[in-house]
Each structure stands twice: as C-alpha cells, then as structure tokens.
Amino acid sequence: MMNRHPLEIALAVLLGLAIATLLASWQLMAGPLATAVVLGLAALKGRRILLDFLGLRTAPSVWRGLVTAWVFAVVSFAWAASAARLFI
C-alpha cells in the first residue's frame, strides 16, 4: 500500500467538503438551517486549511485553539448576519 503525504489527504478532504458545500447549497431550502449547514462546512474547510497548510497542527495547543475560535467566530457572525436579514 502506498503511503500518502498528509497534504494529499488534506486536499482530498477539502475537495470532498467543497463538493458537499455545493450540494448542500443546491439541495437545501433557503433559510437559517441551510445557511448554518453551508457555513459549518466552510468552517471545517477553514480549520483544515489552518491546521494542515499553515502548519498549525504542530503548533502549541493555545494557538490552535485561538485560531479555531477565530474561524468559528467569523462563521457565527456570518450566520447571525444572515439570520438577522430574515427579520429586517
């Protein structure tokens, strides 16, 4: 069995998440739940990029936690802005 480089695996996962995002955006009805699913997939992609391509997987856990919290804060703000738009 051939050993794969970790970045090749990360790229395959990112491609799968991108396809899942496209399918979710096409199949789900518009609304807060659909937005949450698409933004959740975007957060997973962002975290994967930060860990694998920016080398945070080997960084101290404090940095991984801070950067992951930042990604989820940005996604949460985007979801809140999208949900607030429904009430305006």
Foldseek 3Di string as FASTA:
>chain_A
DDDDDPVVVLVVVLVVLVVVLVVLVVPDDDDLVSLLVNLVSVLVNVLSCCVPVVPCVPPDPVVSVVVSVVSVVVSVVVSVVSNVVVVD
